[in-house]
Amino acid sequence: MEGSGSSGPKIANPAPLGLAGFAMTTFVLSMVNANLVSPGDTGVVLGLALAYGGFAQLLAGMWEFKTGNTFGAVAFTSYGAFWIATWLLLTFNAGGLANADHGISLYFWAWAIFTAYMSVAALRVSGSVLLVFVLLTATFIFLAIGQNNLPLSGHDTMHTIGGFLGLATAAAAWYASFGAVVNSTFGKEVVPLFAFKR
């Protein structure tokens, strides 16, 4: 999610920050979703969801607007809002509401649709960013199916698969963040990000 630059003072590339905030928050929640830690540990996600996944990504999105990077601006602002919304859902116990499973499933389906069309746009960014979006689309789909708790849906299994896909998504986002910040620091490509030619 490289910025295109603009006239005036140069600003740093906000993409590594946005990717890192997304990666860490996704990693911690996905550890819970994959049943690798207790569901009782979901509360530990709250601080990350609000501060790093939420506000830090939101700021990265605003800085991407400044660089003229529409893709980065839409992606980081949207996923920053996703994490703030998730914080609100967890904090105010959406699970205690009637038909919460169906509502949360719809929430995941909506994000799957958004992420799928952002995956199309990512075809013009880089292989590393495209991988993040493809994995995230699959993550949302499996979480949506698992959350619905429909007969024969394999509720727990689908949700767990979504958790493991989330871990893969986090790893891909961390790699993209790592590569962008290292390449910027060294002033050359040290970590391949597989940028697509335009």
Protein backbone atom coordinates (compact mmCIF):
# COMPACT_ATOMS: atom_id res chain seq x y z
CA MET A 1 0.00 0.00 0.00
CA GLU A 2 2.65 2.43 -1.08
CA GLY A 3 1.81 6.11 -1.11
CA SER A 4 2.18 8.00 -4.37
CA GLY A 5 3.64 11.12 -2.78
CA SER A 6 2.53 14.72 -3.33
CA SER A 7 3.82 18.24 -3.42
CA GLY A 8 4.80 19.83 -0.13
CA PRO A 9 6.59 18.27 2.82
CA LYS A 10 7.20 14.56 2.38
CA ILE A 11 5.42 12.31 4.86
CA ALA A 12 6.47 8.81 5.80
CA ASN A 13 4.70 5.84 4.25
CA PRO A 14 1.82 5.06 6.66
CA ALA A 15 1.25 1.55 5.24
CA PRO A 16 3.67 -0.34 7.57
CA LEU A 17 1.90 1.16 10.60
CA GLY A 18 -1.55 0.25 9.32
CA LEU A 19 -0.48 -3.27 8.41
CA ALA A 20 1.22 -3.79 11.78
CA GLY A 21 -1.84 -2.61 13.71
CA PHE A 22 -4.06 -4.88 11.65
CA ALA A 23 -1.67 -7.85 11.98
CA MET A 24 -1.24 -7.77 15.74
CA THR A 25 -4.93 -7.31 16.51
CA THR A 26 -5.90 -10.02 14.04
CA PHE A 27 -3.28 -12.36 15.50
CA VAL A 28 -4.52 -12.02 19.08
CA LEU A 29 -8.21 -12.44 18.22
CA SER A 30 -7.45 -15.32 15.87
CA MET A 31 -5.64 -17.16 18.66
CA VAL A 32 -8.98 -17.14 20.49
CA ASN A 33 -10.98 -18.06 17.36
CA ALA A 34 -8.62 -20.97 16.61
CA ASN A 35 -9.13 -22.26 20.18
CA LEU A 36 -5.42 -21.95 20.92
CA VAL A 37 -6.23 -19.85 23.98
CA SER A 38 -9.33 -19.74 26.14
CA PRO A 39 -12.41 -17.86 24.89
CA GLY A 40 -12.27 -16.18 28.29
CA ASP A 41 -9.17 -14.35 27.04
CA THR A 42 -11.19 -12.39 24.46
CA GLY A 43 -11.01 -9.38 26.76
CA VAL A 44 -7.30 -9.02 26.06
CA VAL A 45 -8.22 -8.13 22.47
CA LEU A 46 -10.19 -5.07 23.57
CA GLY A 47 -7.24 -2.74 24.13
CA LEU A 48 -5.62 -3.73 20.85
CA ALA A 49 -8.89 -3.49 18.94
CA LEU A 50 -9.48 0.06 20.10
CA ALA A 51 -5.96 1.51 20.12
CA TYR A 52 -3.76 -0.31 17.63
CA GLY A 53 -6.16 -2.06 15.28
CA GLY A 54 -8.65 0.80 15.54
CA PHE A 55 -7.20 4.27 16.04
CA ALA A 56 -3.68 3.58 14.69
CA GLN A 57 -5.14 2.13 11.49
CA LEU A 58 -7.63 4.98 11.24
CA LEU A 59 -4.74 7.44 11.44
CA ALA A 60 -2.80 5.45 8.83
CA GLY A 61 -5.84 5.70 6.57
CA MET A 62 -6.01 9.47 7.00
CA TRP A 63 -2.30 9.77 6.17
CA GLU A 64 -2.85 7.62 3.08
CA PHE A 65 -5.41 10.18 1.92
CA LYS A 66 -2.65 12.79 2.27
CA THR A 67 -0.31 10.76 0.04
CA GLY A 68 -3.02 10.36 -2.59
CA ASN A 69 -3.21 6.58 -2.16
CA THR A 70 -6.90 5.73 -2.54
CA PHE A 71 -6.41 2.01 -1.93
CA GLY A 72 -4.49 2.48 1.33
CA ALA A 73 -6.85 5.22 2.50
CA VAL A 74 -9.96 3.09 1.98
CA ALA A 75 -8.37 -0.08 3.37
CA PHE A 76 -6.84 1.31 6.56
CA THR A 77 -9.73 3.64 7.37
CA SER A 78 -12.23 0.81 6.86
CA TYR A 79 -10.36 -1.80 8.89
CA GLY A 80 -9.65 0.77 11.60
CA ALA A 81 -13.42 1.28 11.76
CA PHE A 82 -13.88 -2.52 11.75
CA TRP A 83 -11.74 -2.89 14.86
CA ILE A 84 -13.44 -0.01 16.65
CA ALA A 85 -16.82 -1.56 15.81
CA THR A 86 -15.56 -4.94 17.04
CA TRP A 87 -14.43 -3.29 20.28
CA LEU A 88 -17.94 -1.85 20.70
CA LEU A 89 -19.54 -5.26 20.02
CA LEU A 90 -17.30 -7.05 22.53
CA THR A 91 -17.49 -4.31 25.14
CA PHE A 92 -21.26 -4.03 25.05
CA ASN A 93 -21.79 -7.80 24.88
CA ALA A 94 -23.38 -8.24 21.48
CA GLY A 95 -23.37 -11.98 22.22
CA GLY A 96 -26.01 -11.40 24.88
CA LEU A 97 -28.50 -10.08 22.35
CA ALA A 98 -31.29 -12.18 20.84
CA ASN A 99 -30.24 -13.76 17.52
CA ALA A 100 -26.70 -12.45 18.06
CA ASP A 101 -25.17 -15.34 16.08
CA HIS A 102 -27.12 -14.37 12.98
CA GLY A 103 -26.32 -10.69 13.40
CA ILE A 104 -22.59 -11.30 13.88
CA SER A 105 -22.63 -13.70 10.93
CA LEU A 106 -24.15 -10.93 8.80
CA TYR A 107 -21.43 -8.58 10.09
CA PHE A 108 -18.74 -11.02 8.90
CA TRP A 109 -20.47 -11.57 5.54
CA ALA A 110 -20.57 -7.82 4.93
CA TRP A 111 -16.84 -7.55 5.67
CA ALA A 112 -16.17 -10.54 3.42
CA ILE A 113 -17.87 -8.74 0.53
CA PHE A 114 -15.86 -5.56 1.14
CA THR A 115 -12.61 -7.50 1.47
CA ALA A 116 -13.31 -9.49 -1.71
CA TYR A 117 -13.65 -6.37 -3.84
CA MET A 118 -10.58 -4.84 -2.17
CA SER A 119 -8.76 -8.03 -3.22
CA VAL A 120 -9.51 -7.12 -6.83
CA ALA A 121 -7.96 -3.68 -6.30
CA ALA A 122 -4.98 -5.31 -4.56
CA LEU A 123 -4.10 -6.92 -7.90
CA ARG A 124 -2.52 -3.56 -8.73
CA VAL A 125 -0.59 -3.21 -5.44
CA SER A 126 1.70 -6.13 -4.61
CA GLY A 127 1.71 -9.87 -4.13
CA SER A 128 2.24 -9.47 -0.38
CA VAL A 129 -0.79 -7.19 0.01
CA LEU A 130 -2.91 -9.35 -2.30
CA LEU A 131 -2.17 -12.37 -0.12
CA VAL A 132 -3.38 -10.47 2.96
CA PHE A 133 -6.69 -9.63 1.28
CA VAL A 134 -7.31 -13.10 -0.17
CA LEU A 135 -6.62 -14.75 3.21
CA LEU A 136 -8.76 -12.18 5.00
CA THR A 137 -11.68 -12.77 2.63
CA ALA A 138 -11.51 -16.50 3.40
CA THR A 139 -11.23 -15.74 7.13
CA PHE A 140 -14.42 -13.68 7.12
CA ILE A 141 -16.30 -16.31 5.11
CA PHE A 142 -15.40 -19.12 7.50
CA LEU A 143 -16.15 -16.99 10.55
CA ALA A 144 -19.52 -16.01 9.04
CA ILE A 145 -20.47 -19.63 8.36
CA GLY A 146 -19.26 -20.75 11.77
CA GLN A 147 -21.07 -17.95 13.58
CA ASN A 148 -24.40 -18.78 11.94
CA ASN A 149 -24.63 -22.08 13.84
CA LEU A 150 -26.77 -23.59 11.10
CA PRO A 151 -27.50 -27.33 11.05
CA LEU A 152 -24.71 -29.24 9.27
CA SER A 153 -22.56 -26.08 9.12
CA GLY A 154 -19.96 -27.57 11.45
CA HIS A 155 -20.24 -24.44 13.62
CA ASP A 156 -17.21 -25.05 15.83
CA THR A 157 -15.03 -26.50 13.06
CA MET A 158 -15.76 -23.66 10.63
CA HIS A 159 -15.10 -21.06 13.31
CA THR A 160 -11.81 -22.75 14.21
CA ILE A 161 -10.76 -22.85 10.55
CA GLY A 162 -11.57 -19.14 10.39
CA GLY A 163 -9.28 -18.65 13.37
CA PHE A 164 -6.38 -20.42 11.67
CA LEU A 165 -6.98 -18.48 8.47
CA GLY A 166 -6.89 -15.33 10.60
CA LEU A 167 -3.49 -16.37 11.94
CA ALA A 168 -2.25 -16.82 8.36
CA THR A 169 -3.69 -13.40 7.50
CA ALA A 170 -1.87 -11.82 10.45
CA ALA A 171 1.41 -13.46 9.39
CA ALA A 172 1.00 -12.15 5.83
CA ALA A 173 0.18 -8.64 7.09
CA TRP A 174 3.19 -8.68 9.43
CA TYR A 175 5.40 -9.74 6.52
CA ALA A 176 4.08 -6.90 4.33
CA SER A 177 4.61 -4.41 7.18
CA PHE A 178 8.10 -5.78 7.91
CA GLY A 179 9.10 -5.59 4.27
CA ALA A 180 7.81 -2.05 3.80
CA VAL A 181 9.51 -0.65 6.90
CA VAL A 182 12.81 -2.49 6.30
CA ASN A 183 12.94 -1.51 2.63
CA SER A 184 12.20 2.11 3.53
CA THR A 185 14.85 2.14 6.26
CA PHE A 186 17.54 0.61 4.06
CA GLY A 187 16.53 2.67 1.04
CA LYS A 188 16.40 -0.38 -1.22
CA GLU A 189 14.48 -3.63 -1.59
CA VAL A 190 15.82 -5.97 1.06
CA VAL A 191 12.57 -7.87 1.64
CA PRO A 192 10.67 -8.75 -1.55
CA LEU A 193 7.08 -7.53 -1.55
CA PHE A 194 6.37 -8.68 -5.10
CA ALA A 195 5.06 -5.32 -6.33
CA PHE A 196 2.99 -5.54 -9.50
CA LYS A 197 4.12 -3.55 -12.51
CA ARG A 198 1.76 -0.78 -13.54
